[in-house]
PDB file of all heavy atoms in Angstrom:
ATOM      1  N   THR A   1     272.435  11.309  89.381  1.00  0.00           N
ATOM      2  CA  THR A   1     273.624  10.478  89.189  1.00  0.00           C
ATOM      3  C   THR A   1     273.235   9.007  89.154  1.00  0.00           C
ATOM      4  O   THR A   1     273.703   8.242  88.309  1.00  0.00           O
ATOM      5  CB  THR A   1     274.643  10.725  90.322  1.00  0.00           C
ATOM      6  OG1 THR A   1     275.024  12.105  90.289  1.00  0.00           O
ATOM      7  CG2 THR A   1     275.879   9.866  90.166  1.00  0.00           C
ATOM      8  N   ARG A   2     272.348   8.609  90.053  1.00  0.00           N
ATOM      9  CA  ARG A   2     271.896   7.222  90.075  1.00  0.00           C
ATOM     10  C   ARG A   2     271.127   6.868  88.801  1.00  0.00           C
ATOM     11  O   ARG A   2     271.317   5.807  88.222  1.00  0.00           O
ATOM     12  CB  ARG A   2     271.010   6.975  91.295  1.00  0.00           C
ATOM     13  CG  ARG A   2     270.730   5.497  91.549  1.00  0.00           C
ATOM     14  CD  ARG A   2     269.759   5.280  92.699  1.00  0.00           C
ATOM     15  NE  ARG A   2     268.366   5.491  92.346  1.00  0.00           N
ATOM     16  CZ  ARG A   2     267.659   4.735  91.492  1.00  0.00           C
ATOM     17  NH1 ARG A   2     268.219   3.739  90.884  1.00  0.00           N
ATOM     18  NH2 ARG A   2     266.399   4.996  91.267  1.00  0.00           N
ATOM     19  N   THR A   3     270.290   7.793  88.329  1.00  0.00           N
ATOM     20  CA  THR A   3     269.479   7.542  87.147  1.00  0.00           C
ATOM     21  C   THR A   3     270.325   7.477  85.875  1.00  0.00           C
ATOM     22  O   THR A   3     270.142   6.601  85.039  1.00  0.00           O
ATOM     23  CB  THR A   3     268.395   8.630  86.987  1.00  0.00           C
ATOM     24  OG1 THR A   3     267.565   8.613  88.155  1.00  0.00           O
ATOM     25  CG2 THR A   3     267.545   8.411  85.760  1.00  0.00           C
ATOM     26  N   LEU A   4     271.254   8.427  85.718  1.00  0.00           N
ATOM     27  CA  LEU A   4     272.064   8.492  84.508  1.00  0.00           C
ATOM     28  C   LEU A   4     273.215   7.497  84.512  1.00  0.00           C
ATOM     29  O   LEU A   4     273.756   7.180  83.455  1.00  0.00           O
ATOM     30  CB  LEU A   4     272.611   9.915  84.317  1.00  0.00           C
ATOM     31  CG  LEU A   4     271.561  10.985  84.071  1.00  0.00           C
ATOM     32  CD1 LEU A   4     272.220  12.357  84.019  1.00  0.00           C
ATOM     33  CD2 LEU A   4     270.795  10.700  82.795  1.00  0.00           C
ATOM     34  N   GLY A   5     273.597   7.046  85.684  1.00  0.00           N
ATOM     35  CA  GLY A   5     274.699   6.090  85.786  1.00  0.00           C
ATOM     36  C   GLY A   5     275.828   6.677  86.596  1.00  0.00           C
ATOM     37  O   GLY A   5     276.214   7.827  86.398  1.00  0.00           O
ATOM     38  N   GLU A   6     276.346   5.890  87.501  1.00  0.00           N
ATOM     39  CA  GLU A   6     277.403   6.365  88.392  1.00  0.00           C
ATOM     40  C   GLU A   6     278.787   6.148  87.821  1.00  0.00           C
ATOM     41  O   GLU A   6     279.758   6.686  88.327  1.00  0.00           O
ATOM     42  CB  GLU A   6     277.260   5.678  89.754  1.00  0.00           C
ATOM     43  CG  GLU A   6     275.939   6.023  90.418  1.00  0.00           C
ATOM     44  CD  GLU A   6     275.732   5.305  91.731  1.00  0.00           C
ATOM     45  OE1 GLU A   6     276.716   4.877  92.355  1.00  0.00           O
ATOM     46  OE2 GLU A   6     274.568   5.184  92.136  1.00  0.00           O
ATOM     47  N   THR A   7     278.880   5.347  86.778  1.00  0.00           N
ATOM     48  CA  THR A   7     280.177   5.029  86.190  1.00  0.00           C
ATOM     49  C   THR A   7     280.367   5.803  84.895  1.00  0.00           C
ATOM     50  O   THR A   7     279.479   5.837  84.048  1.00  0.00           O
ATOM     51  CB  THR A   7     280.267   3.514  85.894  1.00  0.00           C
ATOM     52  OG1 THR A   7     279.956   2.799  87.084  1.00  0.00           O
ATOM     53  CG2 THR A   7     281.644   3.135  85.416  1.00  0.00           C
ATOM     54  N   TYR A   8     281.530   6.405  84.741  1.00  0.00           N
ATOM     55  CA  TYR A   8     281.865   7.135  83.520  1.00  0.00           C
ATOM     56  C   TYR A   8     282.218   6.139  82.424  1.00  0.00           C
ATOM     57  O   TYR A   8     283.023   5.224  82.634  1.00  0.00           O
ATOM     58  CB  TYR A   8     283.046   8.074  83.796  1.00  0.00           C
ATOM     59  CG  TYR A   8     283.623   8.679  82.543  1.00  0.00           C
ATOM     60  CD1 TYR A   8     282.938   9.671  81.858  1.00  0.00           C
ATOM     61  CD2 TYR A   8     284.845   8.251  82.044  1.00  0.00           C
ATOM     62  CE1 TYR A   8     283.458  10.221  80.707  1.00  0.00           C
ATOM     63  CE2 TYR A   8     285.376   8.807  80.895  1.00  0.00           C
ATOM     64  CZ  TYR A   8     284.675   9.788  80.226  1.00  0.00           C
ATOM     65  OH  TYR A   8     285.190  10.334  79.087  1.00  0.00           O
ATOM     66  N   HIS A   9     281.609   6.302  81.280  1.00  0.00           N
ATOM     67  CA  HIS A   9     281.916   5.476  80.125  1.00  0.00           C
ATOM     68  C   HIS A   9     282.355   6.402  78.992  1.00  0.00           C
ATOM     69  O   HIS A   9     281.538   7.154  78.461  1.00  0.00           O
ATOM     70  CB  HIS A   9     280.693   4.673  79.669  1.00  0.00           C
ATOM     71  CG  HIS A   9     280.205   3.699  80.699  1.00  0.00           C
ATOM     72  ND1 HIS A   9     280.820   2.502  80.919  1.00  0.00           N
ATOM     73  CD2 HIS A   9     279.176   3.764  81.570  1.00  0.00           C
ATOM     74  CE1 HIS A   9     280.184   1.850  81.883  1.00  0.00           C
ATOM     75  NE2 HIS A   9     279.183   2.611  82.301  1.00  0.00           N
ATOM     76  N   PRO A  10     283.631   6.369  78.625  1.00  0.00           N
ATOM     77  CA  PRO A  10     284.087   7.264  77.567  1.00  0.00           C
ATOM     78  C   PRO A  10     283.484   6.882  76.217  1.00  0.00           C
ATOM     79  O   PRO A  10     283.057   5.743  76.010  1.00  0.00           O
ATOM     80  CB  PRO A  10     285.611   7.067  77.569  1.00  0.00           C
ATOM     81  CG  PRO A  10     285.820   5.720  78.164  1.00  0.00           C
ATOM     82  CD  PRO A  10     284.686   5.502  79.120  1.00  0.00           C
ATOM     83  N   LEU A  11     283.454   7.838  75.319  1.00  0.00           N
ATOM     84  CA  LEU A  11     282.979   7.611  73.961  1.00  0.00           C
ATOM     85  C   LEU A  11     283.895   6.592  73.291  1.00  0.00           C
ATOM     86  O   LEU A  11     285.120   6.748  73.296  1.00  0.00           O
ATOM     87  CB  LEU A  11     282.990   8.936  73.185  1.00  0.00           C
ATOM     88  CG  LEU A  11     282.505   8.902  71.739  1.00  0.00           C
ATOM     89  CD1 LEU A  11     281.035   8.495  71.688  1.00  0.00           C
ATOM     90  CD2 LEU A  11     282.685  10.272  71.106  1.00  0.00           C
ATOM     91  N   ARG A  12     283.313   5.535  72.755  1.00  0.00           N
ATOM     92  CA  ARG A  12     284.124   4.514  72.089  1.00  0.00           C
ATOM     93  C   ARG A  12     284.197   4.843  70.609  1.00  0.00           C
ATOM     94  O   ARG A  12     283.179   4.869  69.919  1.00  0.00           O
ATOM     95  CB  ARG A  12     283.532   3.128  72.299  1.00  0.00           C
ATOM     96  CG  ARG A  12     283.633   2.677  73.753  1.00  0.00           C
ATOM     97  CD  ARG A  12     283.185   1.268  73.929  1.00  0.00           C
ATOM     98  NE  ARG A  12     281.786   1.145  73.508  1.00  0.00           N
ATOM     99  CZ  ARG A  12     281.078   0.041  73.602  1.00  0.00           C
ATOM    100  NH1 ARG A  12     281.624  -1.045  74.072  1.00  0.00           N
ATOM    101  NH2 ARG A  12     279.821   0.013  73.212  1.00  0.00           N
ATOM    102  N   LEU A  13     285.403   5.081  70.141  1.00  0.00           N
ATOM    103  CA  LEU A  13     285.624   5.417  68.739  1.00  0.00           C
ATOM    104  C   LEU A  13     286.163   4.192  68.008  1.00  0.00           C
ATOM    105  O   LEU A  13     286.898   3.386  68.588  1.00  0.00           O
ATOM    106  CB  LEU A  13     286.617   6.570  68.632  1.00  0.00           C
ATOM    107  CG  LEU A  13     286.224   7.848  69.374  1.00  0.00           C
ATOM    108  CD1 LEU A  13     287.346   8.863  69.325  1.00  0.00           C
ATOM    109  CD2 LEU A  13     284.947   8.431  68.785  1.00  0.00           C
ATOM    110  N   ASN A  14     285.794   4.052  66.742  1.00  0.00           N
ATOM    111  CA  ASN A  14     286.313   2.955  65.938  1.00  0.00           C
ATOM    112  C   ASN A  14     287.824   3.054  65.829  1.00  0.00           C
ATOM    113  O   ASN A  14     288.385   4.156  65.760  1.00  0.00           O
ATOM    114  CB  ASN A  14     285.709   2.975  64.534  1.00  0.00           C
ATOM    115  CG  ASN A  14     284.224   2.659  64.531  1.00  0.00           C
ATOM    116  OD1 ASN A  14     283.713   2.046  65.465  1.00  0.00           O
ATOM    117  ND2 ASN A  14     283.540   3.077  63.493  1.00  0.00           N
ATOM    118  N   SER A  15     288.484   1.907  65.801  1.00  0.00           N
ATOM    119  CA  SER A  15     289.946   1.934  65.655  1.00  0.00           C
ATOM    120  C   SER A  15     290.327   2.447  64.273  1.00  0.00           C
ATOM    121  O   SER A  15     291.375   3.063  64.103  1.00  0.00           O
ATOM    122  CB  SER A  15     290.537   0.549  65.911  1.00  0.00           C
ATOM    123  OG  SER A  15     289.962  -0.402  65.034  1.00  0.00           O
ATOM    124  N   ARG A  16     289.480   2.194  63.278  1.00  0.00           N
ATOM    125  CA  ARG A  16     289.698   2.725  61.932  1.00  0.00           C
ATOM    126  C   ARG A  16     288.565   3.695  61.617  1.00  0.00           C
ATOM    127  O   ARG A  16     287.402   3.312  61.656  1.00  0.00           O
ATOM    128  CB  ARG A  16     289.694   1.593  60.902  1.00  0.00           C
ATOM    129  CG  ARG A  16     290.933   0.718  60.996  1.00  0.00           C
ATOM    130  CD  ARG A  16     290.973  -0.322  59.904  1.00  0.00           C
ATOM    131  NE  ARG A  16     290.737   0.267  58.601  1.00  0.00           N
ATOM    132  CZ  ARG A  16     290.299  -0.424  57.561  1.00  0.00           C
ATOM    133  NH1 ARG A  16     290.048  -1.697  57.666  1.00  0.00           N
ATOM    134  NH2 ARG A  16     290.105   0.173  56.400  1.00  0.00           N
ATOM    135  N   PRO A  17     288.893   4.953  61.351  1.00  0.00           N
ATOM    136  CA  PRO A  17     287.837   5.929  61.050  1.00  0.00           C
ATOM    137  C   PRO A  17     287.036   5.486  59.832  1.00  0.00           C
ATOM    138  O   PRO A  17     287.538   4.753  59.008  1.00  0.00           O
ATOM    139  CB  PRO A  17     288.605   7.211  60.761  1.00  0.00           C
ATOM    140  CG  PRO A  17     289.935   7.005  61.403  1.00  0.00           C
ATOM    141  CD  PRO A  17     290.209   5.537  61.355  1.00  0.00           C
ATOM    142  N   PRO A  18     285.816   5.916  59.730  1.00  0.00           N
ATOM    143  CA  PRO A  18     285.155   6.917  60.569  1.00  0.00           C
ATOM    144  C   PRO A  18     284.349   6.289  61.708  1.00  0.00           C
ATOM    145  O   PRO A  18     283.958   5.139  61.646  1.00  0.00           O
ATOM    146  CB  PRO A  18     284.208   7.603  59.596  1.00  0.00           C
ATOM    147  CG  PRO A  18     283.778   6.500  58.679  1.00  0.00           C
ATOM    148  CD  PRO A  18     285.014   5.621  58.532  1.00  0.00           C
ATOM    149  N   THR A  19     284.109   7.086  62.707  1.00  0.00           N
ATOM    150  CA  THR A  19     283.131   6.787  63.745  1.00  0.00           C
ATOM    151  C   THR A  19     281.991   7.770  63.506  1.00  0.00           C
ATOM    152  O   THR A  19     282.220   8.972  63.428  1.00  0.00           O
ATOM    153  CB  THR A  19     283.713   7.014  65.150  1.00  0.00           C
ATOM    154  OG1 THR A  19     284.805   6.119  65.358  1.00  0.00           O
ATOM    155  CG2 THR A  19     282.658   6.790  66.214  1.00  0.00           C
ATOM    156  N   VAL A  20     280.797   7.263  63.359  1.00  0.00           N
ATOM    157  CA  VAL A  20     279.643   8.111  63.075  1.00  0.00           C
ATOM    158  C   VAL A  20     278.859   8.328  64.364  1.00  0.00           C
ATOM    159  O   VAL A  20     278.542   7.372  65.067  1.00  0.00           O
ATOM    160  CB  VAL A  20     278.733   7.486  61.998  1.00  0.00           C
ATOM    161  CG1 VAL A  20     277.509   8.358  61.758  1.00  0.00           C
ATOM    162  CG2 VAL A  20     279.518   7.276  60.710  1.00  0.00           C
ATOM    163  N   VAL A  21     278.569   9.591  64.662  1.00  0.00           N
ATOM    164  CA  VAL A  21     277.738   9.945  65.816  1.00  0.00           C
ATOM    165  C   VAL A  21     276.557  10.741  65.274  1.00  0.00           C
ATOM    166  O   VAL A  21     276.744  11.765  64.628  1.00  0.00           O
ATOM    167  CB  VAL A  21     278.521  10.799  66.843  1.00  0.00           C
ATOM    168  CG1 VAL A  21     277.620  11.204  67.996  1.00  0.00           C
ATOM    169  CG2 VAL A  21     279.741  10.041  67.340  1.00  0.00           C
ATOM    170  N   LEU A  22     275.364  10.253  65.520  1.00  0.00           N
ATOM    171  CA  LEU A  22     274.151  10.926  65.076  1.00  0.00           C
ATOM    172  C   LEU A  22     273.440  11.471  66.298  1.00  0.00           C
ATOM    173  O   LEU A  22     273.179  10.742  67.246  1.00  0.00           O
ATOM    174  CB  LEU A  22     273.232   9.942  64.338  1.00  0.00           C
ATOM    175  CG  LEU A  22     271.861  10.464  63.918  1.00  0.00           C
ATOM    176  CD1 LEU A  22     272.000  11.565  62.869  1.00  0.00           C
ATOM    177  CD2 LEU A  22     271.013   9.318  63.376  1.00  0.00           C
ATOM    178  N   LEU A  23     273.157  12.768  66.294  1.00  0.00           N
ATOM    179  CA  LEU A  23     272.426  13.401  67.396  1.00  0.00           C
ATOM    180  C   LEU A  23     271.006  13.664  66.929  1.00  0.00           C
ATOM    181  O   LEU A  23     270.792  14.322  65.919  1.00  0.00           O
ATOM    182  CB  LEU A  23     273.099  14.706  67.804  1.00  0.00           C
ATOM    183  CG  LEU A  23     274.547  14.593  68.280  1.00  0.00           C
ATOM    184  CD1 LEU A  23     275.138  15.975  68.527  1.00  0.00           C
ATOM    185  CD2 LEU A  23     274.637  13.752  69.531  1.00  0.00           C
ATOM    186  N   VAL A  24     270.033  13.166  67.688  1.00  0.00           N
ATOM    187  CA  VAL A  24     268.631  13.297  67.333  1.00  0.00           C
ATOM    188  C   VAL A  24     267.877  13.844  68.536  1.00  0.00           C
ATOM    189  O   VAL A  24     268.157  13.460  69.664  1.00  0.00           O
ATOM    190  CB  VAL A  24     268.035  11.921  66.938  1.00  0.00           C
ATOM    191  CG1 VAL A  24     266.573  12.041  66.563  1.00  0.00           C
ATOM    192  CG2 VAL A  24     268.835  11.295  65.806  1.00  0.00           C
ATOM    193  N   GLY A  25     266.943  14.730  68.293  1.00  0.00           N
ATOM    194  CA  GLY A  25     266.131  15.263  69.381  1.00  0.00           C
ATOM    195  C   GLY A  25     265.204  16.344  68.875  1.00  0.00           C
ATOM    196  O   GLY A  25     265.220  16.687  67.699  1.00  0.00           O
ATOM    197  N   LEU A  26     264.410  16.878  69.787  1.00  0.00           N
ATOM    198  CA  LEU A  26     263.469  17.937  69.437  1.00  0.00           C
ATOM    199  C   LEU A  26     264.190  19.250  69.169  1.00  0.00           C
ATOM    200  O   LEU A  26     265.339  19.432  69.576  1.00  0.00           O
ATOM    201  CB  LEU A  26     262.460  18.127  70.568  1.00  0.00           C
ATOM    202  CG  LEU A  26     261.534  16.942  70.838  1.00  0.00           C
ATOM    203  CD1 LEU A  26     260.656  17.227  72.050  1.00  0.00           C
ATOM    204  CD2 LEU A  26     260.681  16.632  69.626  1.00  0.00           C
ATOM    205  N   HIS A  27     263.489  20.167  68.516  1.00  0.00           N
ATOM    206  CA  HIS A  27     264.033  21.495  68.242  1.00  0.00           C
ATOM    207  C   HIS A  27     264.397  22.189  69.539  1.00  0.00           C
ATOM    208  O   HIS A  27     263.641  22.161  70.511  1.00  0.00           O
ATOM    209  CB  HIS A  27     263.026  22.365  67.474  1.00  0.00           C
ATOM    210  CG  HIS A  27     262.690  21.829  66.121  1.00  0.00           C
ATOM    211  ND1 HIS A  27     263.582  21.837  65.084  1.00  0.00           N
ATOM    212  CD2 HIS A  27     261.570  21.257  65.656  1.00  0.00           C
ATOM    213  CE1 HIS A  27     263.022  21.300  64.029  1.00  0.00           C
ATOM    214  NE2 HIS A  27     261.792  20.931  64.347  1.00  0.00           N
ATOM    215  N   GLY A  28     265.576  22.816  69.565  1.00  0.00           N
ATOM    216  CA  GLY A  28     265.962  23.628  70.706  1.00  0.00           C
ATOM    217  C   GLY A  28     266.495  22.856  71.900  1.00  0.00           C
ATOM    218  O   GLY A  28     266.565  23.402  72.992  1.00  0.00           O
ATOM    219  N   THR A  29     266.882  21.591  71.706  1.00  0.00           N
ATOM    220  CA  THR A  29     267.365  20.808  72.841  1.00  0.00           C
ATOM    221  C   THR A  29     268.882  20.739  72.925  1.00  0.00           C
ATOM    222  O   THR A  29     269.409  20.023  73.773  1.00  0.00           O
ATOM    223  CB  THR A  29     266.788  19.376  72.821  1.00  0.00           C
ATOM    224  OG1 THR A  29     267.131  18.746  71.588  1.00  0.00           O
ATOM    225  CG2 THR A  29     265.285  19.393  73.010  1.00  0.00           C
ATOM    226  N   GLY A  30     269.596  21.445  72.044  1.00  0.00           N
ATOM    227  CA  GLY A  30     271.046  21.537  72.173  1.00  0.00           C
ATOM    228  C   GLY A  30     271.857  20.593  71.312  1.00  0.00           C
ATOM    229  O   GLY A  30     273.039  20.363  71.576  1.00  0.00           O
ATOM    230  N   LYS A  31     271.264  20.036  70.259  1.00  0.00           N
ATOM    231  CA  LYS A  31     272.003  19.103  69.405  1.00  0.00           C
ATOM    232  C   LYS A  31     273.166  19.775  68.687  1.00  0.00           C
ATOM    233  O   LYS A  31     274.285  19.237  68.674  1.00  0.00           O
ATOM    234  CB  LYS A  31     271.058  18.476  68.367  1.00  0.00           C
ATOM    235  CG  LYS A  31     269.959  17.640  68.961  1.00  0.00           C
ATOM    236  CD  LYS A  31     268.990  17.147  67.903  1.00  0.00           C
ATOM    237  CE  LYS A  31     268.287  18.252  67.158  1.00  0.00           C
ATOM    238  NZ  LYS A  31     267.379  19.079  67.958  1.00  0.00           N
ATOM    239  N   THR A  32     272.950  20.944  68.120  1.00  0.00           N
ATOM    240  CA  THR A  32     274.005  21.636  67.390  1.00  0.00           C
ATOM    241  C   THR A  32     275.125  22.050  68.335  1.00  0.00           C
ATOM    242  O   THR A  32     276.311  21.860  68.039  1.00  0.00           O
ATOM    243  CB  THR A  32     273.437  22.862  66.645  1.00  0.00           C
ATOM    244  OG1 THR A  32     272.364  22.424  65.802  1.00  0.00           O
ATOM    245  CG2 THR A  32     274.496  23.538  65.807  1.00  0.00           C
ATOM    246  N   THR A  33     274.781  22.568  69.488  1.00  0.00           N
ATOM    247  CA  THR A  33     275.783  22.951  70.483  1.00  0.00           C
ATOM    248  C   THR A  33     276.569  21.726  70.946  1.00  0.00           C
ATOM    249  O   THR A  33     277.801  21.764  71.048  1.00  0.00           O
ATOM    250  CB  THR A  33     275.100  23.638  71.683  1.00  0.00           C
ATOM    251  OG1 THR A  33     274.404  24.791  71.206  1.00  0.00           O
ATOM    252  CG2 THR A  33     276.111  24.048  72.736  1.00  0.00           C
ATOM    253  N   THR A  34     275.875  20.632  71.200  1.00  0.00           N
ATOM    254  CA  THR A  34     276.545  19.402  71.623  1.00  0.00           C
ATOM    255  C   THR A  34     277.482  18.896  70.540  1.00  0.00           C
ATOM    256  O   THR A  34     278.610  18.464  70.832  1.00  0.00           O
ATOM    257  CB  THR A  34     275.503  18.323  71.983  1.00  0.00           C
ATOM    258  OG1 THR A  34     274.709  18.807  73.062  1.00  0.00           O
ATOM    259  CG2 THR A  34     276.162  17.012  72.387  1.00  0.00           C
TER     260      THR A  34
END
């Protein structure tokens, strides 16, 4: 909790769409599921 952050920060979306979210990582780390 200390390492990742103790304060919740919600996802900030653009007021006018689109908001682009790119997920990057190694194979098998859960990007598609996320």
